Amino acid sequence: KAKGVKFGRKRSIDRDKVKELHEAGAGATDIANQMGIGRSTVYKLLK
């Protein structure tokens, strides 16, 4: 950590893309289908 090394797995979901789609008027179900993630995950990311 002192060297600035990141730990753990890289995030697989593009949070910015979810927000873009939401702002463009897409519903949670549509976003979930496009991104291949669960609808509840979409709601969590939009919080």
PDB file of N, CA and C in Angstrom:
ATOM      1  N   LYS A   1       0.822  -1.198   0.000  1.00  0.00           N
ATOM      2  CA  LYS A   1       0.000   0.000   0.000  1.00  0.00           C
ATOM      3  C   LYS A   1       0.859   1.251   0.000  1.00  0.00           C
ATOM      4  N   ALA A   2       1.987   1.195   0.687  1.00  0.00           N
ATOM      5  CA  ALA A   2       2.871   2.354   0.746  1.00  0.00           C
ATOM      6  C   ALA A   2       3.406   2.718  -0.635  1.00  0.00           C
ATOM      7  N   LYS A   3       3.477   1.723  -1.526  1.00  0.00           N
ATOM      8  CA  LYS A   3       3.977   1.957  -2.883  1.00  0.00           C
ATOM      9  C   LYS A   3       2.875   2.440  -3.823  1.00  0.00           C
ATOM     10  N   GLY A   4       1.644   2.527  -3.322  1.00  0.00           N
ATOM     11  CA  GLY A   4       0.530   2.969  -4.157  1.00  0.00           C
ATOM     12  C   GLY A   4      -0.086   1.853  -4.968  1.00  0.00           C
ATOM     13  N   VAL A   5       0.123   0.615  -4.556  1.00  0.00           N
ATOM     14  CA  VAL A   5      -0.398  -0.537  -5.280  1.00  0.00           C
ATOM     15  C   VAL A   5      -1.867  -0.742  -4.925  1.00  0.00           C
ATOM     16  N   LYS A   6      -2.691  -0.992  -5.938  1.00  0.00           N
ATOM     17  CA  LYS A   6      -4.113  -1.258  -5.720  1.00  0.00           C
ATOM     18  C   LYS A   6      -4.308  -2.749  -5.500  1.00  0.00           C
ATOM     19  N   PHE A   7      -5.184  -3.093  -4.579  1.00  0.00           N
ATOM     20  CA  PHE A   7      -5.467  -4.494  -4.304  1.00  0.00           C
ATOM     21  C   PHE A   7      -6.864  -4.855  -4.780  1.00  0.00           C
ATOM     22  N   GLY A   8      -7.099  -6.137  -4.948  1.00  0.00           N
ATOM     23  CA  GLY A   8      -8.432  -6.619  -5.286  1.00  0.00           C
ATOM     24  C   GLY A   8      -8.678  -6.682  -6.776  1.00  0.00           C
ATOM     25  N   ARG A   9      -9.866  -7.154  -7.088  1.00  0.00           N
ATOM     26  CA  ARG A   9     -10.286  -7.338  -8.465  1.00  0.00           C
ATOM     27  C   ARG A   9     -10.747  -6.014  -9.066  1.00  0.00           C
ATOM     28  N   LYS A  10     -10.500  -5.833 -10.355  1.00  0.00           N
ATOM     29  CA  LYS A  10     -10.950  -4.630 -11.034  1.00  0.00           C
ATOM     30  C   LYS A  10     -12.468  -4.674 -11.176  1.00  0.00           C
ATOM     31  N   ARG A  11     -13.096  -3.504 -11.152  1.00  0.00           N
ATOM     32  CA  ARG A  11     -14.552  -3.443 -11.281  1.00  0.00           C
ATOM     33  C   ARG A  11     -14.957  -3.848 -12.690  1.00  0.00           C
ATOM     34  N   SER A  12     -15.980  -4.680 -12.774  1.00  0.00           N
ATOM     35  CA  SER A  12     -16.405  -5.185 -14.075  1.00  0.00           C
ATOM     36  C   SER A  12     -17.586  -4.397 -14.632  1.00  0.00           C
ATOM     37  N   ILE A  13     -18.232  -3.586 -13.801  1.00  0.00           N
ATOM     38  CA  ILE A  13     -19.401  -2.824 -14.235  1.00  0.00           C
ATOM     39  C   ILE A  13     -18.996  -1.371 -14.438  1.00  0.00           C
ATOM     40  N   ASP A  14     -19.373  -0.830 -15.596  1.00  0.00           N
ATOM     41  CA  ASP A  14     -19.061   0.562 -15.905  1.00  0.00           C
ATOM     42  C   ASP A  14     -20.150   1.451 -15.298  1.00  0.00           C
ATOM     43  N   ARG A  15     -19.856   2.029 -14.148  1.00  0.00           N
ATOM     44  CA  ARG A  15     -20.830   2.847 -13.425  1.00  0.00           C
ATOM     45  C   ARG A  15     -21.228   4.083 -14.231  1.00  0.00           C
ATOM     46  N   ASP A  16     -20.275   4.671 -14.943  1.00  0.00           N
ATOM     47  CA  ASP A  16     -20.569   5.869 -15.731  1.00  0.00           C
ATOM     48  C   ASP A  16     -21.561   5.559 -16.845  1.00  0.00           C
ATOM     49  N   LYS A  17     -21.422   4.396 -17.450  1.00  0.00           N
ATOM     50  CA  LYS A  17     -22.325   3.988 -18.534  1.00  0.00           C
ATOM     51  C   LYS A  17     -23.751   3.832 -18.008  1.00  0.00           C
ATOM     52  N   VAL A  18     -23.892   3.253 -16.802  1.00  0.00           N
ATOM     53  CA  VAL A  18     -25.213   3.082 -16.188  1.00  0.00           C
ATOM     54  C   VAL A  18     -25.847   4.450 -15.966  1.00  0.00           C
ATOM     55  N   LYS A  19     -25.073   5.394 -15.447  1.00  0.00           N
ATOM     56  CA  LYS A  19     -25.597   6.741 -15.194  1.00  0.00           C
ATOM     57  C   LYS A  19     -25.963   7.451 -16.491  1.00  0.00           C
ATOM     58  N   GLU A  20     -25.141   7.277 -17.529  1.00  0.00           N
ATOM     59  CA  GLU A  20     -25.435   7.886 -18.834  1.00  0.00           C
ATOM     60  C   GLU A  20     -26.767   7.389 -19.375  1.00  0.00           C
ATOM     61  N   LEU A  21     -26.964   6.075 -19.331  1.00  0.00           N
ATOM     62  CA  LEU A  21     -28.198   5.489 -19.848  1.00  0.00           C
ATOM     63  C   LEU A  21     -29.402   5.984 -19.059  1.00  0.00           C
ATOM     64  N   HIS A  22     -29.248   6.096 -17.741  1.00  0.00           N
ATOM     65  CA  HIS A  22     -30.343   6.562 -16.890  1.00  0.00           C
ATOM     66  C   HIS A  22     -30.706   8.008 -17.224  1.00  0.00           C
ATOM     67  N   GLU A  23     -29.686   8.840 -17.397  1.00  0.00           N
ATOM     68  CA  GLU A  23     -29.923  10.247 -17.730  1.00  0.00           C
ATOM     69  C   GLU A  23     -30.538  10.399 -19.115  1.00  0.00           C
ATOM     70  N   ALA A  24     -30.278   9.426 -19.989  1.00  0.00           N
ATOM     71  CA  ALA A  24     -30.847   9.456 -21.336  1.00  0.00           C
ATOM     72  C   ALA A  24     -32.301   8.988 -21.342  1.00  0.00           C
ATOM     73  N   GLY A  25     -32.802   8.564 -20.174  1.00  0.00           N
ATOM     74  CA  GLY A  25     -34.208   8.189 -20.067  1.00  0.00           C
ATOM     75  C   GLY A  25     -34.476   6.699 -20.062  1.00  0.00           C
ATOM     76  N   ALA A  26     -33.444   5.880 -20.050  1.00  0.00           N
ATOM     77  CA  ALA A  26     -33.633   4.425 -20.036  1.00  0.00           C
ATOM     78  C   ALA A  26     -34.073   3.979 -18.644  1.00  0.00           C
ATOM     79  N   GLY A  27     -34.968   3.000 -18.601  1.00  0.00           N
ATOM     80  CA  GLY A  27     -35.429   2.455 -17.329  1.00  0.00           C
ATOM     81  C   GLY A  27     -34.429   1.456 -16.775  1.00  0.00           C
ATOM     82  N   ALA A  28     -34.612   1.113 -15.515  1.00  0.00           N
ATOM     83  CA  ALA A  28     -33.687   0.192 -14.846  1.00  0.00           C
ATOM     84  C   ALA A  28     -33.655  -1.171 -15.532  1.00  0.00           C
ATOM     85  N   THR A  29     -34.812  -1.650 -15.976  1.00  0.00           N
ATOM     86  CA  THR A  29     -34.870  -2.954 -16.642  1.00  0.00           C
ATOM     87  C   THR A  29     -34.106  -2.922 -17.959  1.00  0.00           C
ATOM     88  N   ASP A  30     -34.279  -1.844 -18.721  1.00  0.00           N
ATOM     89  CA  ASP A  30     -33.567  -1.700 -19.997  1.00  0.00           C
ATOM     90  C   ASP A  30     -32.057  -1.647 -19.784  1.00  0.00           C
ATOM     91  N   ILE A  31     -31.643  -0.876 -18.781  1.00  0.00           N
ATOM     92  CA  ILE A  31     -30.215  -0.749 -18.479  1.00  0.00           C
ATOM     93  C   ILE A  31     -29.647  -2.104 -18.086  1.00  0.00           C
ATOM     94  N   ALA A  32     -30.370  -2.820 -17.222  1.00  0.00           N
ATOM     95  CA  ALA A  32     -29.909  -4.128 -16.753  1.00  0.00           C
ATOM     96  C   ALA A  32     -29.734  -5.096 -17.919  1.00  0.00           C
ATOM     97  N   ASN A  33     -30.688  -5.101 -18.837  1.00  0.00           N
ATOM     98  CA  ASN A  33     -30.605  -5.996 -19.996  1.00  0.00           C
ATOM     99  C   ASN A  33     -29.434  -5.630 -20.900  1.00  0.00           C
ATOM    100  N   GLN A  34     -29.226  -4.354 -21.135  1.00  0.00           N
ATOM    101  CA  GLN A  34     -28.135  -3.907 -22.011  1.00  0.00           C
ATOM    102  C   GLN A  34     -26.767  -4.226 -21.418  1.00  0.00           C
ATOM    103  N   MET A  35     -26.642  -4.033 -20.105  1.00  0.00           N
ATOM    104  CA  MET A  35     -25.349  -4.190 -19.443  1.00  0.00           C
ATOM    105  C   MET A  35     -25.088  -5.624 -18.992  1.00  0.00           C
ATOM    106  N   GLY A  36     -26.131  -6.451 -18.973  1.00  0.00           N
ATOM    107  CA  GLY A  36     -25.964  -7.831 -18.532  1.00  0.00           C
ATOM    108  C   GLY A  36     -25.813  -7.949 -17.024  1.00  0.00           C
ATOM    109  N   ILE A  37     -26.490  -7.053 -16.295  1.00  0.00           N
ATOM    110  CA  ILE A  37     -26.444  -7.077 -14.833  1.00  0.00           C
ATOM    111  C   ILE A  37     -27.864  -7.132 -14.291  1.00  0.00           C
ATOM    112  N   GLY A  38     -27.995  -7.358 -13.007  1.00  0.00           N
ATOM    113  CA  GLY A  38     -29.307  -7.432 -12.379  1.00  0.00           C
ATOM    114  C   GLY A  38     -29.919  -6.056 -12.191  1.00  0.00           C
ATOM    115  N   ARG A  39     -31.248  -6.020 -12.165  1.00  0.00           N
ATOM    116  CA  ARG A  39     -31.951  -4.754 -11.984  1.00  0.00           C
ATOM    117  C   ARG A  39     -31.642  -4.132 -10.626  1.00  0.00           C
ATOM    118  N   SER A  40     -31.520  -4.975  -9.602  1.00  0.00           N
ATOM    119  CA  SER A  40     -31.203  -4.454  -8.269  1.00  0.00           C
ATOM    120  C   SER A  40     -29.815  -3.815  -8.243  1.00  0.00           C
ATOM    121  N   THR A  41     -28.905  -4.345  -9.043  1.00  0.00           N
ATOM    122  CA  THR A  41     -27.565  -3.761  -9.141  1.00  0.00           C
ATOM    123  C   THR A  41     -27.648  -2.370  -9.756  1.00  0.00           C
ATOM    124  N   VAL A  42     -28.512  -2.212 -10.744  1.00  0.00           N
ATOM    125  CA  VAL A  42     -28.699  -0.904 -11.378  1.00  0.00           C
ATOM    126  C   VAL A  42     -29.192   0.096 -10.336  1.00  0.00           C
ATOM    127  N   TYR A  43     -30.183  -0.305  -9.540  1.00  0.00           N
ATOM    128  CA  TYR A  43     -30.710   0.594  -8.510  1.00  0.00           C
ATOM    129  C   TYR A  43     -29.628   0.972  -7.506  1.00  0.00           C
ATOM    130  N   LYS A  44     -28.792   0.003  -7.126  1.00  0.00           N
ATOM    131  CA  LYS A  44     -27.701   0.275  -6.178  1.00  0.00           C
ATOM    132  C   LYS A  44     -26.723   1.296  -6.751  1.00  0.00           C
ATOM    133  N   LEU A  45     -26.387   1.155  -8.023  1.00  0.00           N
ATOM    134  CA  LEU A  45     -25.418   2.049  -8.655  1.00  0.00           C
ATOM    135  C   LEU A  45     -25.968   3.461  -8.830  1.00  0.00           C
ATOM    136  N   LEU A  46     -27.286   3.574  -8.973  1.00  0.00           N
ATOM    137  CA  LEU A  46     -27.893   4.886  -9.181  1.00  0.00           C
ATOM    138  C   LEU A  46     -28.134   5.630  -7.874  1.00  0.00           C
ATOM    139  N   LYS A  47     -27.947   4.962  -6.749  1.00  0.00           N
ATOM    140  CA  LYS A  47     -28.141   5.609  -5.442  1.00  0.00           C
ATOM    141  C   LYS A  47     -27.164   6.722  -5.234  1.00  0.00           C
TER     142      LYS A  47
END
